[in-house]
Amino acid sequence: MQSVESVGRNERFESVVRPHLKEVRSLARALTNSGPDADDVLQEATVRLLRFIHGYRGGDSRAWVLRVTRNTAITWMRTNRRRNHVALGSRPEEPLLPDLTPEAEIDECEDLFAIEARRRDAEALRRVIGTLNREQREIVVLRDLNGFQYSEIAAVLCIPIGTVMSRLSRARAVLQERLASEASAA
């Protein structure tokens, strides 16, 4: 039989955390650059979120959940990357980011050449995002792939909005440069 406190904690977890679990996985994947590592971070973050759900004081639950996830990922990487860790990007069978060209977005009338070009562009973008440093990658993932507002990113990363804007600008410049050099090499 569950205690009243346990039931309340589980209900609060369901309402505060569960709606953001897909974003938790996405952020963990982007930060670790590995599916199996992201699964480990997701599991650890979920345990922490459940354990400390009483510490959530209201407000933007998405920012709180993703801040805990980010901190969990950083701690996990510090602890686990020192021991026999496979290098970043060494698992090519696993995409770094979610599919950037979901089938639902493909127009039925679009020709096969256009579909293939979009697929190649998405692969190139995924590859280049994987080469960014952690700070740049997390900003790009939060803003451009998950649609966070600057204020939400600032809350998740615990940095000023101006820092969010400057990091994003630098990350986008690096992305443009690397995509251009990749395109010219092809």
Protein backbone atom coordinates (compact mmCIF):
# COMPACT_ATOMS: atom_id res chain seq x y z
CA MET A 1 0.00 0.00 0.00
CA GLN A 2 1.39 3.41 -1.00
CA SER A 3 1.61 6.23 1.47
CA VAL A 4 -0.34 9.43 0.86
CA GLU A 5 2.96 11.27 0.38
CA SER A 6 4.09 8.74 -2.25
CA VAL A 7 0.80 9.04 -4.16
CA GLY A 8 1.05 12.85 -4.10
CA ARG A 9 4.65 12.70 -5.32
CA ASN A 10 3.70 10.37 -8.17
CA GLU A 11 0.77 12.56 -9.20
CA ARG A 12 2.97 15.65 -9.13
CA PHE A 13 5.61 13.84 -11.20
CA GLU A 14 2.97 12.91 -13.76
CA SER A 15 1.76 16.49 -14.11
CA VAL A 16 5.12 18.30 -13.90
CA VAL A 17 7.65 15.95 -15.50
CA ARG A 18 5.92 13.47 -17.80
CA PRO A 19 4.82 16.09 -20.41
CA HIS A 20 8.51 16.94 -20.97
CA LEU A 21 10.06 13.46 -21.16
CA LYS A 22 10.47 13.61 -24.95
CA GLU A 23 12.40 16.87 -24.58
CA VAL A 24 14.43 15.35 -21.74
CA ARG A 25 15.48 12.52 -24.08
CA SER A 26 16.24 14.94 -26.90
CA LEU A 27 18.41 17.15 -24.69
CA ALA A 28 20.20 14.16 -23.18
CA ARG A 29 20.88 12.83 -26.68
CA ALA A 30 22.22 16.16 -27.89
CA LEU A 31 24.47 16.62 -24.86
CA THR A 32 25.89 13.09 -24.76
CA ASN A 33 26.05 12.59 -28.52
CA SER A 34 25.09 8.94 -27.96
CA GLY A 35 21.82 7.02 -27.76
CA PRO A 36 22.90 4.55 -25.04
CA ASP A 37 24.46 7.34 -22.96
CA ALA A 38 21.32 9.44 -23.40
CA ASP A 39 19.27 6.51 -22.11
CA ASP A 40 21.49 6.37 -19.01
CA VAL A 41 21.15 10.12 -18.47
CA LEU A 42 17.39 9.91 -19.04
CA GLN A 43 17.08 7.19 -16.42
CA GLU A 44 19.23 9.06 -13.91
CA ALA A 45 17.45 12.37 -14.56
CA THR A 46 14.06 10.71 -14.15
CA VAL A 47 15.11 9.27 -10.79
CA ARG A 48 16.40 12.68 -9.67
CA LEU A 49 13.26 14.42 -10.86
CA LEU A 50 11.09 11.98 -8.93
CA ARG A 51 13.27 12.21 -5.83
CA PHE A 52 13.29 16.02 -5.84
CA ILE A 53 9.80 16.74 -7.19
CA HIS A 54 8.99 18.31 -3.82
CA GLY A 55 11.61 20.98 -4.65
CA TYR A 56 9.66 22.21 -7.65
CA ARG A 57 8.13 25.50 -6.52
CA GLY A 58 5.88 26.17 -9.49
CA GLY A 59 6.53 28.32 -12.50
CA ASP A 60 7.94 27.00 -15.75
CA SER A 61 8.04 23.23 -15.26
CA ARG A 62 9.71 22.72 -18.65
CA ALA A 63 12.67 24.89 -17.66
CA TRP A 64 12.99 23.18 -14.27
CA VAL A 65 12.84 19.68 -15.77
CA LEU A 66 15.39 20.48 -18.47
CA ARG A 67 17.72 22.24 -16.01
CA VAL A 68 17.77 19.09 -13.87
CA THR A 69 18.35 17.04 -17.03
CA ARG A 70 21.23 19.23 -18.17
CA ASN A 71 22.89 19.13 -14.77
CA THR A 72 22.41 15.36 -14.63
CA ALA A 73 23.97 14.97 -18.09
CA ILE A 74 26.98 17.08 -17.18
CA THR A 75 27.52 15.15 -13.95
CA TRP A 76 27.03 11.83 -15.73
CA MET A 77 29.55 12.75 -18.45
CA ARG A 78 32.16 13.87 -15.90
CA THR A 79 31.80 10.58 -14.07
CA ASN A 80 31.47 8.17 -16.99
CA ARG A 81 33.46 9.67 -19.84
CA ARG A 82 36.74 9.13 -17.99
CA ARG A 83 36.35 5.35 -18.02
CA ASN A 84 36.63 3.45 -21.32
CA HIS A 85 34.26 5.74 -23.13
CA VAL A 86 33.72 5.48 -26.85
CA ALA A 87 34.59 8.74 -28.61
CA LEU A 88 31.87 11.22 -29.56
CA GLY A 89 30.15 10.45 -32.80
CA SER A 90 31.67 6.98 -33.02
CA ARG A 91 28.32 5.26 -33.27
CA PRO A 92 27.28 6.21 -36.81
CA GLU A 93 24.26 3.92 -36.75
CA GLU A 94 22.60 6.26 -34.26
CA PRO A 95 21.59 9.71 -35.45
CA LEU A 96 22.73 12.58 -33.22
CA LEU A 97 19.40 14.33 -33.40
CA PRO A 98 15.82 13.33 -34.05
CA ASP A 99 14.86 12.91 -37.68
CA LEU A 100 14.85 16.39 -39.16
CA THR A 101 12.73 15.33 -42.13
CA PRO A 102 9.85 13.31 -40.71
CA GLU A 103 7.77 11.48 -43.28
CA ALA A 104 4.72 13.45 -42.19
CA GLU A 105 6.32 16.60 -43.59
CA ILE A 106 7.02 15.14 -47.02
CA ASP A 107 4.55 16.39 -49.58
CA GLU A 108 3.10 13.53 -51.62
CA CYS A 109 3.66 15.53 -54.79
CA GLU A 110 7.28 16.28 -54.04
CA ASP A 111 9.62 14.54 -56.44
CA LEU A 112 12.12 11.96 -55.29
CA PHE A 113 15.09 14.22 -56.05
CA ALA A 114 13.77 16.91 -53.71
CA ILE A 115 13.11 14.34 -50.98
CA GLU A 116 16.63 12.95 -51.33
CA ALA A 117 18.13 16.46 -51.26
CA ARG A 118 16.26 17.24 -48.02
CA ARG A 119 17.43 13.97 -46.51
CA ARG A 120 21.07 14.76 -47.40
CA ASP A 121 20.71 18.30 -46.02
CA ALA A 122 19.27 16.95 -42.76
CA GLU A 123 22.12 14.42 -42.48
CA ALA A 124 24.70 17.16 -43.07
CA LEU A 125 23.07 19.39 -40.45
CA ARG A 126 22.93 16.53 -37.96
CA ARG A 127 26.60 15.76 -38.59
CA VAL A 128 27.69 19.40 -38.23
CA ILE A 129 25.64 19.96 -35.06
CA GLY A 130 27.46 16.95 -33.63
CA THR A 131 30.79 18.74 -34.12
CA LEU A 132 29.78 21.77 -32.03
CA ASN A 133 31.08 22.04 -28.48
CA ARG A 134 28.60 21.20 -25.71
CA GLU A 135 27.61 24.82 -24.98
CA GLN A 136 26.92 25.56 -28.63
CA ARG A 137 25.14 22.25 -29.23
CA GLU A 138 22.79 22.66 -26.27
CA ILE A 139 21.86 26.22 -27.30
CA VAL A 140 21.14 25.15 -30.91
CA VAL A 141 19.16 22.10 -29.81
CA LEU A 142 17.07 24.07 -27.32
CA ARG A 143 16.37 27.03 -29.62
CA ASP A 144 16.35 25.76 -33.18
CA LEU A 145 15.22 22.17 -32.74
CA ASN A 146 12.99 22.40 -29.66
CA GLY A 147 11.71 25.95 -30.19
CA PHE A 148 12.57 27.34 -26.75
CA GLN A 149 12.34 31.09 -26.19
CA TYR A 150 15.51 32.89 -25.10
CA SER A 151 14.10 33.35 -21.61
CA GLU A 152 13.40 29.62 -21.32
CA ILE A 153 16.92 28.75 -22.45
CA ALA A 154 18.32 31.21 -19.94
CA ALA A 155 16.30 29.52 -17.19
CA VAL A 156 17.39 26.01 -18.23
CA LEU A 157 21.07 26.91 -18.51
CA CYS A 158 21.12 29.40 -15.62
CA ILE A 159 22.73 32.11 -17.75
CA PRO A 160 21.66 35.64 -18.73
CA ILE A 161 19.55 36.12 -21.85
CA GLY A 162 22.36 38.14 -23.44
CA THR A 163 24.67 35.15 -23.06
CA VAL A 164 22.05 32.93 -24.69
CA MET A 165 21.84 35.31 -27.64
CA SER A 166 25.60 35.62 -28.08
CA ARG A 167 26.22 31.85 -27.77
CA LEU A 168 23.45 31.15 -30.25
CA SER A 169 24.84 33.70 -32.68
CA ARG A 170 28.33 32.18 -32.45
CA ALA A 171 26.96 28.64 -32.77
CA ARG A 172 24.96 29.56 -35.87
CA ALA A 173 28.02 31.22 -37.41
CA VAL A 174 30.04 28.05 -36.82
CA LEU A 175 27.21 25.96 -38.28
CA GLN A 176 27.06 28.13 -41.40
CA GLU A 177 30.83 28.00 -41.85
CA ARG A 178 31.02 24.23 -41.42
CA LEU A 179 28.01 23.56 -43.63
CA ALA A 180 29.47 25.79 -46.33
CA SER A 181 32.84 24.05 -46.18
CA GLU A 182 31.14 20.64 -46.26
CA ALA A 183 29.05 21.69 -49.27
CA SER A 184 32.11 23.00 -51.14
CA ALA A 185 34.01 19.78 -50.41
CA ALA A 186 31.19 17.68 -51.87
